[in-house]
Amino acid sequence: MATGVVHQRRRTTGSKFPSCIQCGTRSNPCRCKVFGPTLGFVAFAVAAVVEWPIGAVVYLFRHAKGRRIMGHPVRVVYPKVSRAIPI
């Protein structure tokens, strides 16, 4: 039986659009997610483009706050978007 480990790969489909595929999840009957992780990655990239430069400037004055700002896309944005879409 599955150990609860979720495997995630980035795979390119026949088109030029890269997609993230997450297999082994129990959130839907087919146990694979495509749209949630892909949209999560897109949201992560958009948030990172905005938050990483701001976090770098804040880091110069307040190290802990700058690290929290730069880690926000990974800790909050990607998981929320990925979990919100069950397919």
PDB file of N, CA and C in Angstrom:
ATOM      1  N   MET A   1       0.845  -1.182   0.000  1.00  0.00           N
ATOM      2  CA  MET A   1       0.000   0.000   0.000  1.00  0.00           C
ATOM      3  C   MET A   1       0.882   1.234   0.000  1.00  0.00           C
ATOM      4  N   ALA A   2       0.370   2.327  -0.407  1.00  0.00           N
ATOM      5  CA  ALA A   2       1.129   3.580  -0.472  1.00  0.00           C
ATOM      6  C   ALA A   2       1.497   4.059   0.925  1.00  0.00           C
ATOM      7  N   THR A   3       2.661   4.646   1.033  1.00  0.00           N
ATOM      8  CA  THR A   3       3.136   5.117   2.333  1.00  0.00           C
ATOM      9  C   THR A   3       2.708   6.539   2.614  1.00  0.00           C
ATOM     10  N   GLY A   4       1.944   7.134   1.755  1.00  0.00           N
ATOM     11  CA  GLY A   4       1.504   8.508   1.968  1.00  0.00           C
ATOM     12  C   GLY A   4       2.460   9.525   1.365  1.00  0.00           C
ATOM     13  N   VAL A   5       3.494   9.047   0.687  1.00  0.00           N
ATOM     14  CA  VAL A   5       4.444   9.949   0.062  1.00  0.00           C
ATOM     15  C   VAL A   5       3.874  10.409  -1.269  1.00  0.00           C
ATOM     16  N   VAL A   6       3.921  11.699  -1.499  1.00  0.00           N
ATOM     17  CA  VAL A   6       3.392  12.260  -2.731  1.00  0.00           C
ATOM     18  C   VAL A   6       4.561  12.549  -3.659  1.00  0.00           C
ATOM     19  N   HIS A   7       4.510  11.986  -4.834  1.00  0.00           N
ATOM     20  CA  HIS A   7       5.555  12.218  -5.825  1.00  0.00           C
ATOM     21  C   HIS A   7       5.103  13.319  -6.761  1.00  0.00           C
ATOM     22  N   GLN A   8       5.982  14.239  -7.032  1.00  0.00           N
ATOM     23  CA  GLN A   8       5.608  15.345  -7.897  1.00  0.00           C
ATOM     24  C   GLN A   8       6.675  15.495  -8.963  1.00  0.00           C
ATOM     25  N   ARG A   9       6.249  15.575 -10.193  1.00  0.00           N
ATOM     26  CA  ARG A   9       7.168  15.744 -11.302  1.00  0.00           C
ATOM     27  C   ARG A   9       6.689  16.868 -12.177  1.00  0.00           C
ATOM     28  N   ARG A  10       7.626  17.463 -12.839  1.00  0.00           N
ATOM     29  CA  ARG A  10       7.268  18.459 -13.837  1.00  0.00           C
ATOM     30  C   ARG A  10       7.460  17.792 -15.184  1.00  0.00           C
ATOM     31  N   ARG A  11       6.417  17.724 -15.943  1.00  0.00           N
ATOM     32  CA  ARG A  11       6.450  16.997 -17.201  1.00  0.00           C
ATOM     33  C   ARG A  11       5.925  17.900 -18.297  1.00  0.00           C
ATOM     34  N   THR A  12       6.548  17.846 -19.452  1.00  0.00           N
ATOM     35  CA  THR A  12       6.023  18.609 -20.573  1.00  0.00           C
ATOM     36  C   THR A  12       5.123  17.704 -21.387  1.00  0.00           C
ATOM     37  N   THR A  13       3.964  18.212 -21.712  1.00  0.00           N
ATOM     38  CA  THR A  13       3.017  17.448 -22.507  1.00  0.00           C
ATOM     39  C   THR A  13       3.330  17.667 -23.978  1.00  0.00           C
ATOM     40  N   GLY A  14       2.456  17.241 -24.849  1.00  0.00           N
ATOM     41  CA  GLY A  14       2.674  17.390 -26.284  1.00  0.00           C
ATOM     42  C   GLY A  14       2.791  18.848 -26.707  1.00  0.00           C
ATOM     43  N   SER A  15       2.166  19.741 -25.962  1.00  0.00           N
ATOM     44  CA  SER A  15       2.277  21.155 -26.292  1.00  0.00           C
ATOM     45  C   SER A  15       3.504  21.748 -25.608  1.00  0.00           C
ATOM     46  N   LYS A  16       3.716  23.005 -25.797  1.00  0.00           N
ATOM     47  CA  LYS A  16       4.866  23.682 -25.200  1.00  0.00           C
ATOM     48  C   LYS A  16       4.580  24.195 -23.797  1.00  0.00           C
ATOM     49  N   PHE A  17       3.433  23.812 -23.204  1.00  0.00           N
ATOM     50  CA  PHE A  17       3.048  24.271 -21.875  1.00  0.00           C
ATOM     51  C   PHE A  17       3.513  23.270 -20.823  1.00  0.00           C
ATOM     52  N   PRO A  18       4.434  23.657 -19.941  1.00  0.00           N
ATOM     53  CA  PRO A  18       4.862  22.716 -18.897  1.00  0.00           C
ATOM     54  C   PRO A  18       3.757  22.541 -17.856  1.00  0.00           C
ATOM     55  N   SER A  19       3.611  21.329 -17.374  1.00  0.00           N
ATOM     56  CA  SER A  19       2.582  21.079 -16.367  1.00  0.00           C
ATOM     57  C   SER A  19       3.182  20.293 -15.211  1.00  0.00           C
ATOM     58  N   CYS A  20       2.638  20.488 -14.040  1.00  0.00           N
ATOM     59  CA  CYS A  20       3.059  19.762 -12.854  1.00  0.00           C
ATOM     60  C   CYS A  20       2.047  18.652 -12.611  1.00  0.00           C
ATOM     61  N   ILE A  21       2.540  17.450 -12.388  1.00  0.00           N
ATOM     62  CA  ILE A  21       1.674  16.314 -12.138  1.00  0.00           C
ATOM     63  C   ILE A  21       2.016  15.758 -10.770  1.00  0.00           C
ATOM     64  N   GLN A  22       1.012  15.599  -9.927  1.00  0.00           N
ATOM     65  CA  GLN A  22       1.192  15.096  -8.578  1.00  0.00           C
ATOM     66  C   GLN A  22       0.429  13.782  -8.470  1.00  0.00           C
ATOM     67  N   CYS A  23       1.146  12.677  -8.290  1.00  0.00           N
ATOM     68  CA  CYS A  23       0.513  11.366  -8.203  1.00  0.00           C
ATOM     69  C   CYS A  23       0.601  10.829  -6.779  1.00  0.00           C
ATOM     70  N   GLY A  24      -0.358  10.017  -6.398  1.00  0.00           N
ATOM     71  CA  GLY A  24      -0.369   9.422  -5.072  1.00  0.00           C
ATOM     72  C   GLY A  24      -1.216  10.190  -4.079  1.00  0.00           C
ATOM     73  N   THR A  25      -1.921  11.191  -4.524  1.00  0.00           N
ATOM     74  CA  THR A  25      -2.778  11.967  -3.638  1.00  0.00           C
ATOM     75  C   THR A  25      -4.105  11.254  -3.437  1.00  0.00           C
ATOM     76  N   ARG A  26      -4.761  11.492  -2.333  1.00  0.00           N
ATOM     77  CA  ARG A  26      -6.046  10.846  -2.058  1.00  0.00           C
ATOM     78  C   ARG A  26      -7.199  11.837  -2.149  1.00  0.00           C
ATOM     79  N   SER A  27      -6.974  12.995  -2.763  1.00  0.00           N
ATOM     80  CA  SER A  27      -8.025  14.011  -2.813  1.00  0.00           C
ATOM     81  C   SER A  27      -9.021  13.800  -3.945  1.00  0.00           C
ATOM     82  N   ASN A  28      -8.756  12.871  -4.849  1.00  0.00           N
ATOM     83  CA  ASN A  28      -9.714  12.568  -5.901  1.00  0.00           C
ATOM     84  C   ASN A  28      -9.602  11.091  -6.282  1.00  0.00           C
ATOM     85  N   PRO A  29     -10.596  10.534  -6.984  1.00  0.00           N
ATOM     86  CA  PRO A  29     -10.599   9.095  -7.275  1.00  0.00           C
ATOM     87  C   PRO A  29      -9.447   8.616  -8.155  1.00  0.00           C
ATOM     88  N   CYS A  30      -8.970   9.435  -9.069  1.00  0.00           N
ATOM     89  CA  CYS A  30      -7.905   8.964  -9.957  1.00  0.00           C
ATOM     90  C   CYS A  30      -6.516   9.086  -9.323  1.00  0.00           C
ATOM     91  N   ARG A  31      -6.422   9.684  -8.162  1.00  0.00           N
ATOM     92  CA  ARG A  31      -5.196   9.818  -7.366  1.00  0.00           C
ATOM     93  C   ARG A  31      -4.080  10.574  -8.073  1.00  0.00           C
ATOM     94  N   CYS A  32      -4.417  11.393  -9.039  1.00  0.00           N
ATOM     95  CA  CYS A  32      -3.438  12.260  -9.705  1.00  0.00           C
ATOM     96  C   CYS A  32      -4.027  13.660  -9.832  1.00  0.00           C
ATOM     97  N   LYS A  33      -3.187  14.643  -9.683  1.00  0.00           N
ATOM     98  CA  LYS A  33      -3.619  16.034  -9.819  1.00  0.00           C
ATOM     99  C   LYS A  33      -2.753  16.698 -10.884  1.00  0.00           C
ATOM    100  N   VAL A  34      -3.381  17.469 -11.749  1.00  0.00           N
ATOM    101  CA  VAL A  34      -2.648  18.188 -12.783  1.00  0.00           C
ATOM    102  C   VAL A  34      -2.894  19.688 -12.665  1.00  0.00           C
ATOM    103  N   PHE A  35      -4.147  20.091 -12.601  1.00  0.00           N
ATOM    104  CA  PHE A  35      -4.476  21.518 -12.629  1.00  0.00           C
ATOM    105  C   PHE A  35      -4.062  22.242 -11.350  1.00  0.00           C
ATOM    106  N   GLY A  36      -4.308  21.647 -10.196  1.00  0.00           N
ATOM    107  CA  GLY A  36      -3.962  22.289  -8.925  1.00  0.00           C
ATOM    108  C   GLY A  36      -2.482  22.594  -8.804  1.00  0.00           C
ATOM    109  N   PRO A  37      -1.599  21.588  -8.980  1.00  0.00           N
ATOM    110  CA  PRO A  37      -0.164  21.872  -8.887  1.00  0.00           C
ATOM    111  C   PRO A  37       0.342  22.823  -9.973  1.00  0.00           C
ATOM    112  N   THR A  38      -0.226  22.737 -11.177  1.00  0.00           N
ATOM    113  CA  THR A  38       0.219  23.626 -12.252  1.00  0.00           C
ATOM    114  C   THR A  38      -0.167  25.071 -11.944  1.00  0.00           C
ATOM    115  N   LEU A  39      -1.418  25.294 -11.532  1.00  0.00           N
ATOM    116  CA  LEU A  39      -1.826  26.652 -11.175  1.00  0.00           C
ATOM    117  C   LEU A  39      -1.115  27.125  -9.910  1.00  0.00           C
ATOM    118  N   GLY A  40      -0.816  26.200  -8.996  1.00  0.00           N
ATOM    119  CA  GLY A  40      -0.036  26.548  -7.809  1.00  0.00           C
ATOM    120  C   GLY A  40       1.347  27.034  -8.179  1.00  0.00           C
ATOM    121  N   PHE A  41       1.968  26.380  -9.157  1.00  0.00           N
ATOM    122  CA  PHE A  41       3.291  26.805  -9.604  1.00  0.00           C
ATOM    123  C   PHE A  41       3.236  28.185 -10.262  1.00  0.00           C
ATOM    124  N   VAL A  42       2.209  28.435 -11.059  1.00  0.00           N
ATOM    125  CA  VAL A  42       2.060  29.740 -11.707  1.00  0.00           C
ATOM    126  C   VAL A  42       1.860  30.830 -10.650  1.00  0.00           C
ATOM    127  N   ALA A  43       1.009  30.559  -9.654  1.00  0.00           N
ATOM    128  CA  ALA A  43       0.786  31.531  -8.579  1.00  0.00           C
ATOM    129  C   ALA A  43       2.063  31.746  -7.775  1.00  0.00           C
ATOM    130  N   PHE A  44       2.808  30.664  -7.535  1.00  0.00           N
ATOM    131  CA  PHE A  44       4.092  30.763  -6.842  1.00  0.00           C
ATOM    132  C   PHE A  44       5.048  31.670  -7.610  1.00  0.00           C
ATOM    133  N   ALA A  45       5.149  31.485  -8.914  1.00  0.00           N
ATOM    134  CA  ALA A  45       6.076  32.280  -9.726  1.00  0.00           C
ATOM    135  C   ALA A  45       5.691  33.763  -9.720  1.00  0.00           C
ATOM    136  N   VAL A  46       4.398  34.056  -9.824  1.00  0.00           N
ATOM    137  CA  VAL A  46       3.940  35.450  -9.815  1.00  0.00           C
ATOM    138  C   VAL A  46       4.234  36.091  -8.455  1.00  0.00           C
ATOM    139  N   ALA A  47       3.929  35.370  -7.381  1.00  0.00           N
ATOM    140  CA  ALA A  47       4.183  35.903  -6.042  1.00  0.00           C
ATOM    141  C   ALA A  47       5.682  36.074  -5.795  1.00  0.00           C
ATOM    142  N   ALA A  48       6.479  35.146  -6.288  1.00  0.00           N
ATOM    143  CA  ALA A  48       7.926  35.227  -6.085  1.00  0.00           C
ATOM    144  C   ALA A  48       8.530  36.432  -6.805  1.00  0.00           C
ATOM    145  N   VAL A  49       8.047  36.727  -7.999  1.00  0.00           N
ATOM    146  CA  VAL A  49       8.562  37.877  -8.746  1.00  0.00           C
ATOM    147  C   VAL A  49       8.310  39.174  -7.975  1.00  0.00           C
ATOM    148  N   VAL A  50       7.200  39.222  -7.271  1.00  0.00           N
ATOM    149  CA  VAL A  50       6.867  40.427  -6.503  1.00  0.00           C
ATOM    150  C   VAL A  50       7.544  40.427  -5.132  1.00  0.00           C
ATOM    151  N   GLU A  51       7.500  39.292  -4.429  1.00  0.00           N
ATOM    152  CA  GLU A  51       7.919  39.267  -3.034  1.00  0.00           C
ATOM    153  C   GLU A  51       9.418  39.099  -2.816  1.00  0.00           C
ATOM    154  N   TRP A  52      10.132  38.428  -3.701  1.00  0.00           N
ATOM    155  CA  TRP A  52      11.566  38.230  -3.470  1.00  0.00           C
ATOM    156  C   TRP A  52      12.367  39.527  -3.498  1.00  0.00           C
ATOM    157  N   PRO A  53      12.145  40.439  -4.452  1.00  0.00           N
ATOM    158  CA  PRO A  53      12.889  41.709  -4.389  1.00  0.00           C
ATOM    159  C   PRO A  53      12.540  42.535  -3.144  1.00  0.00           C
ATOM    160  N   ILE A  54      11.258  42.532  -2.765  1.00  0.00           N
ATOM    161  CA  ILE A  54      10.860  43.255  -1.553  1.00  0.00           C
ATOM    162  C   ILE A  54      11.516  42.620  -0.335  1.00  0.00           C
ATOM    163  N   GLY A  55      11.512  41.301  -0.274  1.00  0.00           N
ATOM    164  CA  GLY A  55      12.136  40.591   0.839  1.00  0.00           C
ATOM    165  C   GLY A  55      13.630  40.842   0.914  1.00  0.00           C
ATOM    166  N   ALA A  56      14.292  40.965  -0.240  1.00  0.00           N
ATOM    167  CA  ALA A  56      15.728  41.230  -0.247  1.00  0.00           C
ATOM    168  C   ALA A  56      16.039  42.610   0.330  1.00  0.00           C
ATOM    169  N   VAL A  57      15.212  43.596   0.011  1.00  0.00           N
ATOM    170  CA  VAL A  57      15.422  44.941   0.553  1.00  0.00           C
ATOM    171  C   VAL A  57      15.138  44.953   2.056  1.00  0.00           C
ATOM    172  N   VAL A  58      14.066  44.307   2.476  1.00  0.00           N
ATOM    173  CA  VAL A  58      13.724  44.254   3.903  1.00  0.00           C
ATOM    174  C   VAL A  58      14.800  43.490   4.674  1.00  0.00           C
ATOM    175  N   TYR A  59      15.388  42.456   4.058  1.00  0.00           N
ATOM    176  CA  TYR A  59      16.419  41.645   4.694  1.00  0.00           C
ATOM    177  C   TYR A  59      17.621  42.480   5.122  1.00  0.00           C
ATOM    178  N   LEU A  60      17.913  43.535   4.386  1.00  0.00           N
ATOM    179  CA  LEU A  60      19.048  44.392   4.738  1.00  0.00           C
ATOM    180  C   LEU A  60      18.878  45.025   6.117  1.00  0.00           C
ATOM    181  N   PHE A  61      17.648  45.274   6.519  1.00  0.00           N
ATOM    182  CA  PHE A  61      17.392  45.954   7.780  1.00  0.00           C
ATOM    183  C   PHE A  61      16.844  45.010   8.862  1.00  0.00           C
ATOM    184  N   ARG A  62      15.982  44.080   8.468  1.00  0.00           N
ATOM    185  CA  ARG A  62      15.380  43.135   9.421  1.00  0.00           C
ATOM    186  C   ARG A  62      15.466  41.736   8.825  1.00  0.00           C
ATOM    187  N   HIS A  63      16.481  40.982   9.253  1.00  0.00           N
ATOM    188  CA  HIS A  63      16.765  39.679   8.652  1.00  0.00           C
ATOM    189  C   HIS A  63      15.601  38.690   8.746  1.00  0.00           C
ATOM    190  N   ALA A  64      15.033  38.526   9.908  1.00  0.00           N
ATOM    191  CA  ALA A  64      13.955  37.540  10.073  1.00  0.00           C
ATOM    192  C   ALA A  64      12.731  37.899   9.232  1.00  0.00           C
ATOM    193  N   LYS A  65      12.367  39.162   9.217  1.00  0.00           N
ATOM    194  CA  LYS A  65      11.204  39.608   8.435  1.00  0.00           C
ATOM    195  C   LYS A  65      11.464  39.408   6.935  1.00  0.00           C
ATOM    196  N   GLY A  66      12.667  39.715   6.475  1.00  0.00           N
ATOM    197  CA  GLY A  66      13.019  39.513   5.066  1.00  0.00           C
ATOM    198  C   GLY A  66      12.949  38.053   4.664  1.00  0.00           C
ATOM    199  N   ARG A  67      13.421  37.163   5.535  1.00  0.00           N
ATOM    200  CA  ARG A  67      13.349  35.731   5.237  1.00  0.00           C
ATOM    201  C   ARG A  67      11.905  35.252   5.168  1.00  0.00           C
ATOM    202  N   ARG A  68      11.053  35.751   6.069  1.00  0.00           N
ATOM    203  CA  ARG A  68       9.639  35.365   6.044  1.00  0.00           C
ATOM    204  C   ARG A  68       8.972  35.831   4.754  1.00  0.00           C
ATOM    205  N   ILE A  69       9.292  37.050   4.324  1.00  0.00           N
ATOM    206  CA  ILE A  69       8.698  37.575   3.090  1.00  0.00           C
ATOM    207  C   ILE A  69       9.143  36.742   1.894  1.00  0.00           C
ATOM    208  N   MET A  70      10.436  36.401   1.834  1.00  0.00           N
ATOM    209  CA  MET A  70      10.936  35.625   0.691  1.00  0.00           C
ATOM    210  C   MET A  70      10.427  34.185   0.712  1.00  0.00           C
ATOM    211  N   GLY A  71      10.107  33.643   1.865  1.00  0.00           N
ATOM    212  CA  GLY A  71       9.605  32.281   1.953  1.00  0.00           C
ATOM    213  C   GLY A  71       8.096  32.160   1.805  1.00  0.00           C
ATOM    214  N   HIS A  72       7.398  33.283   1.780  1.00  0.00           N
ATOM    215  CA  HIS A  72       5.939  33.277   1.694  1.00  0.00           C
ATOM    216  C   HIS A  72       5.399  32.527   0.473  1.00  0.00           C
ATOM    217  N   PRO A  73       5.944  32.704  -0.735  1.00  0.00           N
ATOM    218  CA  PRO A  73       5.393  31.959  -1.881  1.00  0.00           C
ATOM    219  C   PRO A  73       5.479  30.444  -1.707  1.00  0.00           C
ATOM    220  N   VAL A  74       6.545  29.957  -1.084  1.00  0.00           N
ATOM    221  CA  VAL A  74       6.723  28.517  -0.914  1.00  0.00           C
ATOM    222  C   VAL A  74       5.845  27.974   0.206  1.00  0.00           C
ATOM    223  N   ARG A  75       5.782  28.682   1.321  1.00  0.00           N
ATOM    224  CA  ARG A  75       5.059  28.193   2.494  1.00  0.00           C
ATOM    225  C   ARG A  75       3.562  28.407   2.416  1.00  0.00           C
ATOM    226  N   VAL A  76       3.099  29.456   1.750  1.00  0.00           N
ATOM    227  CA  VAL A  76       1.678  29.804   1.792  1.00  0.00           C
ATOM    228  C   VAL A  76       1.012  29.737   0.416  1.00  0.00           C
ATOM    229  N   VAL A  77       1.557  30.418  -0.572  1.00  0.00           N
ATOM    230  CA  VAL A  77       0.877  30.571  -1.867  1.00  0.00           C
ATOM    231  C   VAL A  77       0.726  29.229  -2.594  1.00  0.00           C
ATOM    232  N   TYR A  78       1.825  28.527  -2.828  1.00  0.00           N
ATOM    233  CA  TYR A  78       1.759  27.272  -3.583  1.00  0.00           C
ATOM    234  C   TYR A  78       0.860  26.233  -2.909  1.00  0.00           C
ATOM    235  N   PRO A  79       1.025  25.959  -1.595  1.00  0.00           N
ATOM    236  CA  PRO A  79       0.151  24.942  -0.987  1.00  0.00           C
ATOM    237  C   PRO A  79      -1.334  25.299  -1.009  1.00  0.00           C
ATOM    238  N   LYS A  80      -1.675  26.563  -0.764  1.00  0.00           N
ATOM    239  CA  LYS A  80      -3.092  26.951  -0.755  1.00  0.00           C
ATOM    240  C   LYS A  80      -3.726  26.771  -2.131  1.00  0.00           C
ATOM    241  N   VAL A  81      -3.050  27.218  -3.170  1.00  0.00           N
ATOM    242  CA  VAL A  81      -3.618  27.114  -4.526  1.00  0.00           C
ATOM    243  C   VAL A  81      -3.671  25.654  -4.951  1.00  0.00           C
ATOM    244  N   SER A  82      -2.633  24.898  -4.672  1.00  0.00           N
ATOM    245  CA  SER A  82      -2.579  23.502  -5.070  1.00  0.00           C
ATOM    246  C   SER A  82      -3.665  22.673  -4.379  1.00  0.00           C
ATOM    247  N   ARG A  83      -3.907  22.931  -3.104  1.00  0.00           N
ATOM    248  CA  ARG A  83      -4.932  22.190  -2.359  1.00  0.00           C
ATOM    249  C   ARG A  83      -6.343  22.637  -2.702  1.00  0.00           C
ATOM    250  N   ALA A  84      -6.501  23.844  -3.172  1.00  0.00           N
ATOM    251  CA  ALA A  84      -7.839  24.379  -3.454  1.00  0.00           C
ATOM    252  C   ALA A  84      -8.479  23.710  -4.667  1.00  0.00           C
ATOM    253  N   ILE A  85      -7.677  23.196  -5.574  1.00  0.00           N
ATOM    254  CA  ILE A  85      -8.201  22.582  -6.799  1.00  0.00           C
ATOM    255  C   ILE A  85      -7.936  21.074  -6.726  1.00  0.00           C
ATOM    256  N   PRO A  86      -8.957  20.253  -6.577  1.00  0.00           N
ATOM    257  CA  PRO A  86      -8.765  18.822  -6.340  1.00  0.00           C
ATOM    258  C   PRO A  86      -8.403  17.992  -7.569  1.00  0.00           C
ATOM    259  N   ILE A  87      -8.351  18.580  -8.748  1.00  0.00           N
ATOM    260  CA  ILE A  87      -8.020  17.785  -9.935  1.00  0.00           C
ATOM    261  C   ILE A  87      -6.615  18.054 -10.410  1.00  0.00           C
TER     262      ILE A  87
END
